[in-house]
């Protein structure tokens, strides 16, 4: 049996780190995928700010599963030099936070044809992987609407191109938003490469819903992971997206906003429901 380790984007509980920690402790979540700290995107933190944040997390026994960075979330035509500098800084921050993983993306393609962007994407990804490798950091690609790797086929292309160097972050809801079937199709293609999952479910109408209430196949996927990865840990990062939260607009490209039901009165309630719903999807209780 696999051992599921819960992580979360705690900035959806509150922008302030102290409040995030409160929410993590309250919901018994022992890891965070750090994305926003006191209203600052993780990649924009100074080293001093990162060290202060790490001390606070350590005080409550909260580990960092990955850096939820925006690396690769730029247009395919945007200059790379400054972005590569940001990646270097983010690698340094990952070391401070005590994690070897950075979540990243494969560039917005805009109006261009995907096939016309392949060589440029491969070249840029190679530059980023070279930098990450030099820091001993593993880049983990997330499927996201509007980027090159938004379908399982293009994700697989990237993963095979950089066999063993690039990890896969599997997000069921993002696949649904791109018209893809997370289970069984996407899962069957990408399961050998899956580093960890983002837990976000989606209804047929495109609205984000708690895990297990949509068409993401989350209970089925977890059951298969549980059976296939016997004796190993597998991280599940809860990304609630059940209520509009501070900083959401900065995470999404104009015109590509996620449909959020916003049925919960507070961010705290939405976060708790997201965690509880995931636990209800477990084939067995394992944290």
Foldseek 3Di string as FASTA:
>chain_A
DAFEAEEAQLCLQDLALVSSLVLCVVLVHQEYQYAHHNRHGLLPDDLVRLLVSLVVSVVSNHAYAEHAHAQQAAALPDDCPVSLVSLLSSLVSCVSRVYQEYEYEQHADPPDDLVVCVVSSLVSVVSSLVSSVVSNHAYEYEQAPRHSRPELVSVLVNCVVVPPRYAYEYELLSNVLVVHQQPPVSCVSCVVRHQAYEAWAAANVQEIDAHPPHRSCLLVSLVVCPVPVPPYYHYYYYYQLQADGPPQVVSDDPPRHGHHPRPDPHSSVSVSRNSVSNCVSHPDDHD
